[in-house]
Protein backbone atom coordinates (compact mmCIF):
# COMPACT_ATOMS: atom_id res chain seq x y z
CA UNK A 1 0.18 0.04 -0.02
CA UNK A 2 1.03 3.68 -0.69
CA UNK A 3 0.82 6.71 1.72
CA UNK A 4 -2.32 7.47 0.15
CA UNK A 5 -4.18 4.31 0.36
CA UNK A 6 -2.92 4.14 4.14
CA UNK A 7 -4.69 7.28 4.92
CA UNK A 8 -7.67 6.28 3.64
CA UNK A 9 -8.04 2.95 4.33
CA UNK A 10 -8.60 3.04 8.42
CA UNK A 11 -12.17 4.17 8.61
CA UNK A 12 -13.30 2.18 5.36
CA UNK A 13 -12.20 -1.14 7.59
CA UNK A 14 -13.91 0.10 10.38
CA UNK A 15 -17.59 0.87 8.83
CA UNK A 16 -17.10 -2.58 7.29
CA UNK A 17 -16.83 -4.15 10.60
CA UNK A 18 -19.41 -2.22 12.30
CA UNK A 19 -21.59 -2.84 9.06
CA UNK A 20 -20.93 -6.54 9.87
CA UNK A 21 -21.54 -6.04 13.41
CA UNK A 22 -18.44 -7.48 14.04
CA UNK A 23 -16.32 -6.72 17.15
CA UNK A 24 -12.58 -5.93 16.84
CA UNK A 25 -11.51 -9.50 18.69
CA UNK A 26 -14.21 -11.22 15.95
CA UNK A 27 -12.24 -9.53 13.16
CA UNK A 28 -8.88 -10.97 14.60
CA UNK A 29 -9.94 -14.62 15.60
CA UNK A 30 -11.41 -14.46 11.45
CA UNK A 31 -7.68 -12.72 10.36
CA UNK A 32 -5.64 -13.70 12.32
CA UNK A 33 -4.30 -10.35 13.71
CA UNK A 34 -4.07 -9.19 16.73
CA UNK A 35 -6.58 -6.73 18.22
CA UNK A 36 -3.82 -4.10 19.31
CA UNK A 37 -3.28 -3.73 15.47
CA UNK A 38 -6.45 -4.54 13.94
CA UNK A 39 -7.89 -1.40 16.37
CA UNK A 40 -4.48 0.97 15.00
CA UNK A 41 -5.34 -0.03 11.92
CA UNK A 42 -8.58 1.48 11.82
CA UNK A 43 -7.37 5.05 14.18
CA UNK A 44 -4.56 4.98 11.32
CA UNK A 45 -1.27 4.10 13.44
CA UNK A 46 -0.43 1.60 11.60
CA UNK A 47 0.24 0.64 8.06
CA UNK A 48 -0.98 -2.94 6.79
CA UNK A 49 1.22 -4.80 4.18
CA UNK A 50 -0.66 -5.67 1.44
CA UNK A 51 -1.14 -9.60 2.93
CA UNK A 52 -2.45 -8.26 6.37
CA UNK A 53 -5.00 -5.68 4.22
CA UNK A 54 -5.84 -9.06 2.47
CA UNK A 55 -6.62 -10.75 5.96
CA UNK A 56 -8.65 -8.32 6.96
CA UNK A 57 -10.37 -7.81 3.95
CA UNK A 58 -11.42 -11.62 4.08
CA UNK A 59 -12.31 -11.59 7.83
CA UNK A 60 -14.50 -8.95 6.04
CA UNK A 61 -15.89 -10.43 3.37
CA UNK A 62 -15.09 -7.80 0.96
CA UNK A 63 -11.78 -8.03 -1.29
CA UNK A 64 -8.65 -6.08 -0.80
CA UNK A 65 -9.48 -3.83 -4.09
CA UNK A 66 -12.93 -3.12 -2.75
CA UNK A 67 -12.06 -2.18 0.45
CA UNK A 68 -9.45 0.35 -1.40
CA UNK A 69 -12.41 1.96 -3.20
CA UNK A 70 -15.24 2.30 -0.44
CA UNK A 71 -11.99 4.13 1.06
CA UNK A 72 -11.34 6.68 -1.95
CA UNK A 73 -15.56 7.25 -2.38
CA UNK A 74 -15.77 7.58 1.16
CA UNK A 75 -13.08 10.37 1.19
CA UNK A 76 -14.90 13.43 0.69
CA UNK A 77 -14.76 17.15 2.06
CA UNK A 78 -17.93 19.49 1.60
CA UNK A 79 -19.01 23.01 3.01
CA UNK A 80 -22.48 23.08 4.51
CA UNK A 81 -23.01 27.31 3.64
CA UNK A 82 -25.39 29.22 6.64
CA UNK A 83 -28.04 30.62 4.64
CA UNK A 84 -29.87 32.87 7.28
CA UNK A 85 -32.97 34.12 4.38
CA UNK A 86 -34.46 30.41 5.25
CA UNK A 87 -33.75 28.91 1.56
CA UNK A 88 -31.05 26.48 3.53
CA UNK A 89 -31.99 22.75 4.52
CA UNK A 90 -33.51 23.75 7.99
CA UNK A 91 -36.58 22.77 9.91
CA UNK A 92 -38.23 25.88 11.26
CA UNK A 93 -40.42 26.34 13.93
CA UNK A 94 -42.68 28.73 15.58
CA UNK A 95 -39.16 29.38 18.18
CA UNK A 96 -36.53 27.08 16.99
CA UNK A 97 -34.62 27.22 13.73
CA UNK A 98 -32.64 23.65 13.49
CA UNK A 99 -29.94 23.37 10.99
CA UNK A 100 -28.50 20.15 9.96
CA UNK A 101 -24.46 21.28 9.57
CA UNK A 102 -23.16 17.91 7.77
CA UNK A 103 -25.14 16.52 5.04
CA UNK A 104 -25.24 12.93 3.87
CA UNK A 105 -25.00 9.93 6.45
CA UNK A 106 -21.62 10.28 8.17
CA UNK A 107 -19.65 9.03 11.10
CA UNK A 108 -21.63 12.28 12.91
CA UNK A 109 -23.95 14.09 12.93
CA UNK A 110 -23.71 18.04 13.62
CA UNK A 111 -26.96 20.47 13.89
CA UNK A 112 -27.45 23.67 15.25
CA UNK A 113 -30.09 24.62 17.18
CA UNK A 114 -31.38 28.66 17.37
CA UNK A 115 -33.73 29.38 19.83
CA UNK A 116 -36.10 28.06 22.42
CA UNK A 117 -36.50 24.54 22.84
CA UNK A 118 -38.54 22.11 24.34
CA UNK A 119 -37.01 21.46 27.60
CA UNK A 120 -39.53 18.97 28.44
CA UNK A 121 -38.12 16.59 25.64
CA UNK A 122 -35.97 13.95 26.96
CA UNK A 123 -33.04 12.38 24.73
CA UNK A 124 -30.80 9.06 25.02
CA UNK A 125 -28.11 8.19 22.11
CA UNK A 126 -26.51 5.35 21.68
CA UNK A 127 -22.99 6.74 21.48
CA UNK A 128 -21.17 10.16 22.31
CA UNK A 129 -22.35 13.93 22.31
CA UNK A 130 -20.77 17.42 22.28
CA UNK A 131 -22.58 20.24 23.40
CA UNK A 132 -20.85 24.01 22.21
CA UNK A 133 -23.05 26.83 23.14
CA UNK A 134 -22.13 30.01 20.70
CA UNK A 135 -24.36 31.90 21.93
CA UNK A 136 -26.98 32.90 25.12
CA UNK A 137 -27.35 30.14 27.43
CA UNK A 138 -28.82 26.67 28.16
CA UNK A 139 -29.77 24.82 31.39
CA UNK A 140 -28.49 20.50 31.15
CA UNK A 141 -30.26 18.16 33.23
CA UNK A 142 -28.26 14.98 32.37
CA UNK A 143 -28.78 11.90 35.39
CA UNK A 144 -30.59 13.87 37.71
CA UNK A 145 -28.08 17.32 37.96
CA UNK A 146 -28.57 20.37 36.36
CA UNK A 147 -25.38 22.37 34.10
CA UNK A 148 -25.75 25.35 33.60
CA UNK A 149 -24.18 26.59 30.29
CA UNK A 150 -23.08 30.20 28.83
CA UNK A 151 -21.03 31.17 25.66
CA UNK A 152 -18.21 29.25 25.05
CA UNK A 153 -18.77 26.19 27.47
CA UNK A 154 -19.23 22.76 25.75
CA UNK A 155 -21.10 19.41 28.00
CA UNK A 156 -19.67 15.64 27.20
CA UNK A 157 -22.24 13.19 26.83
CA UNK A 158 -21.28 9.49 26.39
CA UNK A 159 -23.38 7.31 25.25
CA UNK A 160 -26.73 6.19 27.26
CA UNK A 161 -26.49 9.25 29.40
CA UNK A 162 -30.23 10.45 29.84
CA UNK A 163 -30.54 14.20 28.90
CA UNK A 164 -33.14 17.41 28.10
CA UNK A 165 -32.20 21.08 27.49
CA UNK A 166 -33.33 24.18 27.34
CA UNK A 167 -32.38 27.84 26.24
CA UNK A 168 -32.12 30.11 28.75
CA UNK A 169 -31.72 33.24 27.02
CA UNK A 170 -33.34 34.97 24.13
CA UNK A 171 -31.12 34.37 20.70
CA UNK A 172 -29.41 31.39 22.24
CA UNK A 173 -27.93 29.13 19.65
CA UNK A 174 -25.83 25.78 20.59
CA UNK A 175 -24.23 23.01 18.32
CA UNK A 176 -24.65 19.42 19.14
CA UNK A 177 -22.53 16.86 17.49
CA UNK A 178 -23.19 13.18 17.96
CA UNK A 179 -21.21 9.48 16.25
CA UNK A 180 -23.39 8.62 14.01
CA UNK A 181 -25.33 5.04 15.72
CA UNK A 182 -24.78 3.44 12.18
CA UNK A 183 -22.02 4.41 9.81
CA UNK A 184 -23.26 4.82 6.17
CA UNK A 185 -20.74 6.38 3.20
CA UNK A 186 -23.82 7.04 0.51
CA UNK A 187 -27.29 8.20 1.26
CA UNK A 188 -29.12 11.35 2.69
CA UNK A 189 -29.38 12.72 6.28
CA UNK A 190 -32.08 12.53 8.44
CA UNK A 191 -33.24 16.24 8.99
CA UNK A 192 -31.67 16.00 12.13
CA UNK A 193 -29.91 13.90 14.99
CA UNK A 194 -33.52 12.14 15.98
CA UNK A 195 -32.53 8.90 13.60
CA UNK A 196 -29.49 8.32 16.53
CA UNK A 197 -31.82 9.48 19.41
CA UNK A 198 -34.62 7.91 21.67
CA UNK A 199 -36.64 10.39 22.96
CA UNK A 200 -39.03 10.00 25.65
């Protein structure tokens, strides 16, 4: 493999493994490679030889060539413009504006919320989430504790933490970034991150 391929194959290996519902241990058993080495490959900290890549591909029921092709296809740079005139891909409500910040079904969901928010709605995400207060202030209740966040503050929530939040100042704007429950390299994204969320 050359350096170009090495830089792209890790995410493709991880996506394929997760799509098959396999653990690193299962892939290690199938491929004869160690769990630490496979983890390093997925995180682009190790460069697999052609033979090792073939063993990984065999364990994932795909060819090495297809794995590299998927890696190439999944590499993308995309700009989402801030279109305040309402022509952008946003969900507008009476008192809240919700704007996806990432297009397509990616490894993460990123959404901007502006204005009021239903503080009675509870969320529970399968994977980790980060909340960043760009403007204003919010109050977040997570696992029975209240957290007050102001402009520039962030709150990290690990997967499975039940939480709800509400804006406490007019003009509040927050950005929520959550790791996707599943990774699909193509297709359209849901309008917000509810596809990765359990609401109560």
